[in-house]
Amino acid sequence: MPLPSEWSLVVCGGGSGGHLFPPLAVIEELRRRQLAPARILFLTAERSIESAILKEQGIEQFALPAVESQQFRRQPVSALRTLGKGVRQAVGIIRTLPAPVILGTGGFGSVPGVLAGRWRKRPIILLEQNLIPGRATSWLARFVKTVCLSFSETGRFLPEQIPTQVTGNPVRQSIAFLQTSSVISKKRLLVLGGSQGAAAINEALIRYAGQHREQLAGWTILHQTGEADCARIQNAYHEMKQKAEVAPFFDNMLEQYERASIVVTRAGGTSLAEIACAGLPTVIVPYPKSLRNHQLINARHFLSRNAAFLVEQGPAARFDAELASAITLLIEDTTQRKTMAAAMKACAVPEAAEQVCEILLKTLMDFQQAPNF
């Protein structure tokens, strides 16, 4: 059965770049196939990171009031009011769209739009980027047609009756099929603290650079700091005469991956999916307060495959020592870099966007045929 002449894709989610880049990869694949919907709309949380990324992509956005899970425990009445307002707004928007399909990307920002899609009896697909499903995915999964999983292990954390497919985490095509050759020949250390930066990693890297100038001789640090720390970190590198390129947020991650030899990163599912496709040796520093400790679980997946070093954030002295040991080993041992790069590449699922695209299109066609499924 062919696709309808006009249909819409409503993406629900946000809060970080990690929740936005996977659906953008799916949209890129739809456009590549010349099957893009007549209307693409992102229903996101009210945060600046979404606006900046989507504006650059030229994609329509509507910010909804959303509630973090902790608010339900602290202020349940207020949280329900806010959630209800977001759902009502989303219902009104979805009602105006031709043949909408709902794609939830996880995080608290996805809840109003997905619930609105359920209210309007529209087909819903969820993307789960992490090995441990988030609270939003766990709660919303009962309402959906399919949950697309990034890791095969994730299924055991969801009820058996939830329909799932292991697709991998969609990655933009330019990164998905990246063939890096810089692991050995170039000397660049890429530091990523997530789309909003990571103060602990920023501080630790400054201390490392100050104490390990011999190891970093000839190396350039490419450091994504987040907005708050950018000027201070840049000044610190300048004062110690360490060659560095510092930015609040790297807009062109393809360029950064192509240039890098080593990565230090948080353990968000999307960042790790991209780094795996790039095949870069990695030091992972999980965010210690991530919900359900999902970043640590993500990191252990790559550690178990000898694709990364895991350094847990803790007391400064211990954290500095363990981080320094991991970075220095990779800087000094080109064989270790090459071995770890190959292991990281083996973890990649470059065809994930294609698989999610197939599921989305099939779901839409099935819905046409049996609109009340």
Protein backbone atom coordinates (compact mmCIF):
# COMPACT_ATOMS: atom_id res chain seq x y z
CA MET A 1 0.00 0.00 0.00
CA PRO A 2 1.49 3.39 -0.97
CA LEU A 3 2.09 6.24 1.42
CA PRO A 4 -0.68 8.85 1.69
CA SER A 5 -0.24 11.83 -0.64
CA GLU A 6 0.20 14.03 2.41
CA TRP A 7 1.35 13.00 5.85
CA SER A 8 3.07 14.64 8.80
CA LEU A 9 5.85 13.71 11.19
CA VAL A 10 5.52 15.03 14.72
CA VAL A 11 8.72 14.61 16.73
CA CYS A 12 8.25 14.82 20.50
CA GLY A 13 11.21 15.25 22.81
CA GLY A 14 14.13 17.39 23.79
CA GLY A 15 16.18 18.58 26.70
CA SER A 16 19.50 17.79 25.05
CA GLY A 17 21.12 17.37 21.66
CA GLY A 18 21.09 13.63 22.29
CA HIS A 19 17.30 13.59 22.01
CA LEU A 20 17.25 15.76 18.88
CA PHE A 21 19.97 14.36 16.62
CA PRO A 22 18.49 10.81 16.21
CA PRO A 23 15.17 12.05 14.74
CA LEU A 24 17.11 14.49 12.56
CA ALA A 25 19.01 11.49 11.20
CA VAL A 26 15.68 9.77 10.42
CA ILE A 27 14.41 12.90 8.67
CA GLU A 28 17.63 13.05 6.66
CA GLU A 29 17.05 9.45 5.55
CA LEU A 30 13.42 10.18 4.57
CA ARG A 31 14.60 13.13 2.49
CA ARG A 32 17.33 11.03 0.90
CA ARG A 33 14.64 8.59 -0.24
CA GLN A 34 12.42 11.48 -1.37
CA LEU A 35 9.74 10.28 1.05
CA ALA A 36 9.76 13.23 3.44
CA PRO A 37 6.37 14.21 4.88
CA ALA A 38 4.52 17.33 3.84
CA ARG A 39 4.95 18.72 7.34
CA ILE A 40 7.63 18.13 9.97
CA LEU A 41 7.03 19.60 13.41
CA PHE A 42 9.07 19.24 16.59
CA LEU A 43 7.15 19.52 19.86
CA THR A 44 9.91 20.14 22.37
CA ALA A 45 10.55 21.35 25.88
CA GLU A 46 11.18 25.04 26.40
CA ARG A 47 14.99 25.02 26.26
CA SER A 48 17.38 27.04 24.14
CA ILE A 49 19.35 24.03 22.89
CA GLU A 50 16.36 22.80 20.87
CA SER A 51 15.77 26.18 19.27
CA ALA A 52 19.40 26.59 18.23
CA ILE A 53 19.67 23.12 16.65
CA LEU A 54 16.29 23.17 14.90
CA LYS A 55 16.67 26.72 13.61
CA GLU A 56 19.94 25.69 11.97
CA GLN A 57 18.12 22.75 10.33
CA GLY A 58 15.24 24.96 9.17
CA ILE A 59 12.70 22.75 10.94
CA GLU A 60 9.47 24.00 12.48
CA GLN A 61 9.31 23.93 16.27
CA PHE A 62 6.66 24.47 18.90
CA ALA A 63 7.78 24.60 22.53
CA LEU A 64 5.44 22.97 25.03
CA PRO A 65 5.39 23.26 28.81
CA ALA A 66 6.81 20.00 30.15
CA VAL A 67 7.45 18.48 33.55
CA GLU A 68 10.50 16.61 34.82
CA SER A 69 9.76 13.39 36.69
CA GLN A 70 11.09 14.78 40.00
CA GLN A 71 8.44 17.50 39.93
CA PHE A 72 5.68 14.92 40.22
CA ARG A 73 7.08 13.93 43.61
CA ARG A 74 7.80 17.44 44.87
CA GLN A 75 4.83 19.38 43.46
CA PRO A 76 2.34 16.84 42.08
CA VAL A 77 -0.62 19.21 41.66
CA SER A 78 1.41 21.87 39.88
CA ALA A 79 3.14 19.23 37.75
CA LEU A 80 -0.18 17.75 36.60
CA ARG A 81 -1.49 21.18 35.68
CA THR A 82 1.60 21.94 33.62
CA LEU A 83 1.50 18.54 31.92
CA GLY A 84 -2.20 18.94 31.16
CA LYS A 85 -1.55 22.32 29.56
CA GLY A 86 1.18 20.84 27.37
CA VAL A 87 -1.01 17.91 26.30
CA ARG A 88 -3.92 20.23 25.41
CA GLN A 89 -1.67 22.42 23.28
CA ALA A 90 -0.20 19.36 21.54
CA VAL A 91 -3.67 17.92 20.84
CA GLY A 92 -4.68 21.18 19.21
CA ILE A 93 -1.61 21.15 16.98
CA ILE A 94 -1.85 17.47 15.99
CA ARG A 95 -5.53 17.91 15.13
CA THR A 96 -4.60 20.32 12.31
CA LEU A 97 -2.01 18.08 10.63
CA PRO A 98 -2.56 15.69 7.72
CA ALA A 99 -2.04 12.01 8.67
CA PRO A 100 0.38 12.64 11.57
CA VAL A 101 2.79 9.97 12.82
CA ILE A 102 4.28 10.56 16.28
CA LEU A 103 7.98 9.93 16.91
CA GLY A 104 8.90 10.20 20.61
CA THR A 105 12.61 10.65 21.30
CA GLY A 106 12.73 10.23 25.07
CA GLY A 107 13.16 12.59 27.97
CA PHE A 108 10.55 14.57 29.86
CA GLY A 109 10.05 16.80 26.81
CA SER A 110 8.49 13.90 24.87
CA VAL A 111 5.61 13.25 27.27
CA PRO A 112 3.03 15.92 26.30
CA GLY A 113 3.29 15.26 22.57
CA VAL A 114 3.18 11.47 22.86
CA LEU A 115 0.17 11.61 25.20
CA ALA A 116 -1.53 13.96 22.74
CA GLY A 117 -0.83 11.50 19.94
CA ARG A 118 -2.40 8.75 22.03
CA TRP A 119 -5.43 10.96 22.69
CA ARG A 120 -5.81 11.54 18.95
CA LYS A 121 -5.35 7.79 18.30
CA ARG A 122 -2.35 8.33 16.06
CA PRO A 123 0.44 5.76 15.47
CA ILE A 124 3.37 6.31 17.86
CA ILE A 125 6.99 5.12 17.69
CA LEU A 126 9.54 5.69 20.43
CA LEU A 127 13.33 5.94 20.15
CA GLU A 128 15.38 4.86 23.18
CA GLN A 129 19.01 5.98 23.02
CA ASN A 130 20.28 4.41 26.24
CA LEU A 131 20.81 0.86 27.41
CA ILE A 132 18.59 1.46 30.46
CA PRO A 133 15.27 2.92 29.22
CA GLY A 134 14.40 6.32 30.64
CA ARG A 135 11.35 6.93 32.78
CA ALA A 136 9.54 8.59 29.88
CA THR A 137 10.09 5.56 27.64
CA SER A 138 9.13 3.12 30.39
CA TRP A 139 5.88 4.97 31.03
CA LEU A 140 4.92 5.80 27.45
CA ALA A 141 5.84 2.42 25.94
CA ARG A 142 2.41 0.95 26.73
CA PHE A 143 0.81 3.41 24.30
CA VAL A 144 2.98 2.86 21.24
CA LYS A 145 3.28 0.70 18.17
CA THR A 146 7.03 0.09 18.50
CA VAL A 147 9.97 1.05 20.71
CA CYS A 148 13.19 1.24 18.68
CA LEU A 149 16.11 0.16 20.86
CA SER A 150 19.75 1.18 20.53
CA PHE A 151 21.00 -1.87 22.48
CA SER A 152 19.76 -5.46 22.37
CA GLU A 153 20.04 -5.67 26.17
CA THR A 154 17.42 -2.94 26.66
CA GLY A 155 14.45 -5.20 25.96
CA ARG A 156 14.79 -7.01 29.27
CA PHE A 157 14.14 -3.75 31.13
CA LEU A 158 10.72 -3.33 29.51
CA PRO A 159 7.60 -5.50 30.02
CA GLU A 160 7.45 -8.50 27.69
CA GLN A 161 4.26 -7.27 26.01
CA ILE A 162 5.92 -4.06 24.80
CA PRO A 163 6.71 -4.34 21.06
CA THR A 164 10.38 -3.58 20.47
CA GLN A 165 12.89 -3.72 17.62
CA VAL A 166 16.64 -3.36 17.95
CA THR A 167 17.60 -0.77 15.36
CA GLY A 168 20.59 0.99 16.86
CA ASN A 169 20.60 4.71 17.55
CA PRO A 170 20.06 6.77 14.37
CA VAL A 171 23.14 8.80 13.43
CA ARG A 172 23.36 11.43 10.71
CA GLN A 173 24.62 9.85 7.49
CA SER A 174 27.78 11.96 7.23
CA ILE A 175 28.87 10.60 10.63
CA ALA A 176 27.32 7.12 10.33
CA PHE A 177 29.61 6.08 7.49
CA LEU A 178 32.63 8.12 8.53
CA GLN A 179 35.96 6.44 7.86
CA THR A 180 38.48 8.17 10.10
CA SER A 181 42.20 7.92 9.44
CA SER A 182 43.42 10.32 12.12
CA VAL A 183 43.69 7.99 15.10
CA ILE A 184 47.42 7.46 14.64
CA SER A 185 48.60 10.27 12.38
CA LYS A 186 47.07 13.30 14.06
CA LYS A 187 47.41 14.65 17.59
CA ARG A 188 44.08 16.05 18.68
CA LEU A 189 42.21 15.36 21.90
CA LEU A 190 38.45 15.98 21.59
CA VAL A 191 36.66 16.80 24.86
CA LEU A 192 32.85 16.58 24.94
CA GLY A 193 30.77 17.27 28.01
CA GLY A 194 27.42 16.92 26.29
CA SER A 195 25.47 19.71 24.56
CA GLN A 196 25.46 21.80 27.74
CA GLY A 197 29.00 21.06 28.87
CA ALA A 198 30.28 19.29 31.99
CA ALA A 199 31.95 21.40 34.67
CA ALA A 200 33.77 18.45 36.28
CA ILE A 201 35.33 17.37 32.98
CA ASN A 202 36.23 20.96 32.14
CA GLU A 203 38.05 21.41 35.44
CA ALA A 204 39.79 18.03 35.23
CA LEU A 205 41.09 18.72 31.71
CA ILE A 206 42.53 22.06 32.76
CA ARG A 207 44.34 20.35 35.63
CA TYR A 208 45.54 17.59 33.29
CA ALA A 209 46.83 20.08 30.74
CA GLY A 210 48.68 22.01 33.44
CA GLN A 211 50.32 18.92 34.91
CA HIS A 212 51.09 16.93 31.75
CA ARG A 213 52.63 19.43 29.37
CA GLU A 214 55.23 16.95 28.20
CA GLN A 215 52.60 14.40 27.15
CA LEU A 216 50.54 17.11 25.41
CA ALA A 217 53.48 18.61 23.52
CA GLY A 218 52.41 18.87 19.88
CA TRP A 219 48.79 18.04 20.71
CA THR A 220 45.75 20.29 20.21
CA ILE A 221 42.77 20.07 22.58
CA LEU A 222 39.34 20.50 20.92
CA HIS A 223 37.14 21.33 23.90
CA GLN A 224 33.35 21.73 23.96
CA THR A 225 32.75 23.42 27.31
CA GLY A 226 29.14 24.55 27.44
CA GLU A 227 28.22 28.23 27.58
CA ALA A 228 29.01 28.91 31.24
CA ASP A 229 32.64 27.75 31.23
CA CYS A 230 33.79 28.72 27.75
CA ALA A 231 35.66 31.98 28.37
CA ARG A 232 37.31 30.75 31.58
CA ILE A 233 38.54 27.48 30.04
CA GLN A 234 39.81 29.29 26.96
CA ASN A 235 41.78 31.72 29.14
CA ALA A 236 43.23 28.87 31.20
CA TYR A 237 44.60 27.11 28.10
CA HIS A 238 45.95 30.42 26.82
CA GLU A 239 47.79 31.15 30.07
CA MET A 240 49.49 27.76 30.09
CA LYS A 241 50.27 28.10 26.35
CA GLN A 242 48.39 24.90 25.52
CA LYS A 243 47.18 24.83 21.93
CA ALA A 244 43.41 24.50 22.11
CA GLU A 245 40.21 25.25 20.23
CA VAL A 246 37.42 26.00 22.69
CA ALA A 247 33.71 26.50 21.99
CA PRO A 248 30.48 26.36 24.01
CA PHE A 249 29.07 23.90 21.48
CA PHE A 250 30.51 22.36 18.32
CA ASP A 251 28.03 22.84 15.49
CA ASN A 252 29.88 20.58 13.05
CA MET A 253 30.61 17.32 14.85
CA LEU A 254 31.60 15.61 11.60
CA GLU A 255 34.59 17.94 11.34
CA GLN A 256 35.56 17.35 14.97
CA TYR A 257 35.39 13.56 14.64
CA GLU A 258 37.44 13.67 11.44
CA ARG A 259 40.14 15.69 13.19
CA ALA A 260 40.26 13.82 16.51
CA SER A 261 42.61 11.05 17.63
CA ILE A 262 41.16 10.52 21.14
CA VAL A 263 37.84 11.48 22.74
CA VAL A 264 36.93 12.25 26.34
CA THR A 265 33.17 12.25 26.68
CA ARG A 266 30.11 11.84 28.84
CA ALA A 267 28.14 8.65 28.23
CA GLY A 268 25.01 9.87 26.50
CA GLY A 269 23.67 7.27 24.09
CA THR A 270 23.76 9.52 21.03
CA SER A 271 27.31 10.77 21.62
CA LEU A 272 28.55 7.21 22.02
CA ALA A 273 26.68 6.05 18.90
CA GLU A 274 28.37 8.79 16.88
CA ILE A 275 31.81 8.11 18.36
CA ALA A 276 31.39 4.40 17.57
CA CYS A 277 30.62 5.22 13.94
CA ALA A 278 33.70 7.46 13.87
CA GLY A 279 35.78 4.63 15.38
CA LEU A 280 37.64 6.75 17.91
CA PRO A 281 39.40 5.50 21.07
CA THR A 282 37.48 6.93 23.97
CA VAL A 283 37.68 7.76 27.65
CA ILE A 284 34.13 7.78 29.03
CA VAL A 285 33.24 9.80 32.14
CA PRO A 286 29.57 9.03 32.95
CA TYR A 287 27.47 11.76 34.54
CA PRO A 288 27.13 10.45 38.11
CA LYS A 289 23.60 11.82 38.62
CA SER A 290 22.03 10.50 35.44
CA LEU A 291 18.57 9.02 35.94
CA ARG A 292 18.69 5.30 36.68
CA ASN A 293 22.48 5.63 36.41
CA HIS A 294 21.99 5.08 32.68
CA GLN A 295 25.24 6.75 31.66
CA LEU A 296 27.30 4.33 33.74
CA ILE A 297 25.42 1.40 32.20
CA ASN A 298 26.03 2.80 28.71
CA ALA A 299 29.73 3.16 29.47
CA ARG A 300 30.05 -0.40 30.77
CA HIS A 301 28.66 -1.70 27.47
CA PHE A 302 31.62 -0.19 25.60
CA LEU A 303 34.11 -1.08 28.35
CA SER A 304 33.06 -4.73 28.12
CA ARG A 305 33.94 -4.69 24.42
CA ASN A 306 37.38 -3.14 25.02
CA ALA A 307 36.24 -0.11 23.05
CA ALA A 308 36.72 2.50 25.78
CA PHE A 309 38.20 3.30 29.15
CA LEU A 310 35.72 4.05 31.93
CA VAL A 311 36.60 6.70 34.52
CA GLU A 312 33.97 7.31 37.17
CA GLN A 313 33.66 10.82 38.52
CA GLY A 314 34.42 10.99 42.24
CA PRO A 315 36.76 12.77 44.67
CA ALA A 316 38.95 15.19 42.71
CA ALA A 317 42.30 13.55 43.51
CA ARG A 318 41.18 10.07 42.50
CA PHE A 319 39.25 11.33 39.47
CA ASP A 320 42.24 13.35 38.25
CA ALA A 321 44.61 10.39 38.66
CA GLU A 322 42.39 7.90 36.84
CA LEU A 323 41.54 10.31 34.05
CA ALA A 324 45.20 11.26 33.61
CA SER A 325 46.22 7.60 33.46
CA ALA A 326 43.67 6.81 30.74
CA ILE A 327 44.42 9.86 28.60
CA THR A 328 48.19 9.48 28.93
CA LEU A 329 48.08 5.82 27.95
CA LEU A 330 46.20 6.64 24.76
CA ILE A 331 48.47 9.57 23.95
CA GLU A 332 51.64 7.52 24.38
CA ASP A 333 50.55 4.15 23.00
CA THR A 334 49.56 4.28 19.33
CA THR A 335 48.93 0.52 19.29
CA GLN A 336 46.39 0.91 22.09
CA ARG A 337 44.70 3.71 20.17
CA LYS A 338 44.49 1.61 17.02
CA THR A 339 43.15 -1.46 18.85
CA MET A 340 40.55 0.52 20.76
CA ALA A 341 39.50 2.40 17.62
CA ALA A 342 38.76 -0.90 15.86
CA ALA A 343 36.79 -2.17 18.86
CA MET A 344 34.76 1.04 18.99
CA LYS A 345 34.03 0.80 15.26
CA ALA A 346 32.75 -2.74 15.80
CA CYS A 347 30.11 -1.33 18.18
CA ALA A 348 28.67 0.97 15.51
CA VAL A 349 25.27 0.56 13.85
CA PRO A 350 25.59 2.93 10.89
CA GLU A 351 22.35 1.72 9.27
CA ALA A 352 20.19 2.61 12.32
CA ALA A 353 18.47 5.57 10.65
CA GLU A 354 17.53 3.35 7.70
CA GLN A 355 16.01 0.74 10.03
CA VAL A 356 13.97 3.31 11.97
CA CYS A 357 12.84 4.86 8.68
CA GLU A 358 11.56 1.46 7.51
CA ILE A 359 9.63 0.97 10.75
CA LEU A 360 8.13 4.44 10.55
CA LEU A 361 6.97 4.04 6.95
CA LYS A 362 5.54 0.57 7.58
CA THR A 363 3.70 1.86 10.65
CA LEU A 364 2.13 4.63 8.59
CA MET A 365 1.04 2.24 5.84
CA ASP A 366 -0.37 -0.24 8.39
CA PHE A 367 -2.31 2.57 10.01
CA GLN A 368 -3.85 3.50 6.65
CA GLN A 369 -4.98 -0.06 6.17
CA ALA A 370 -6.30 -0.57 9.69
CA PRO A 371 -6.85 2.87 11.24
CA ASN A 372 -8.14 1.47 14.52
CA PHE A 373 -5.27 -0.89 15.34
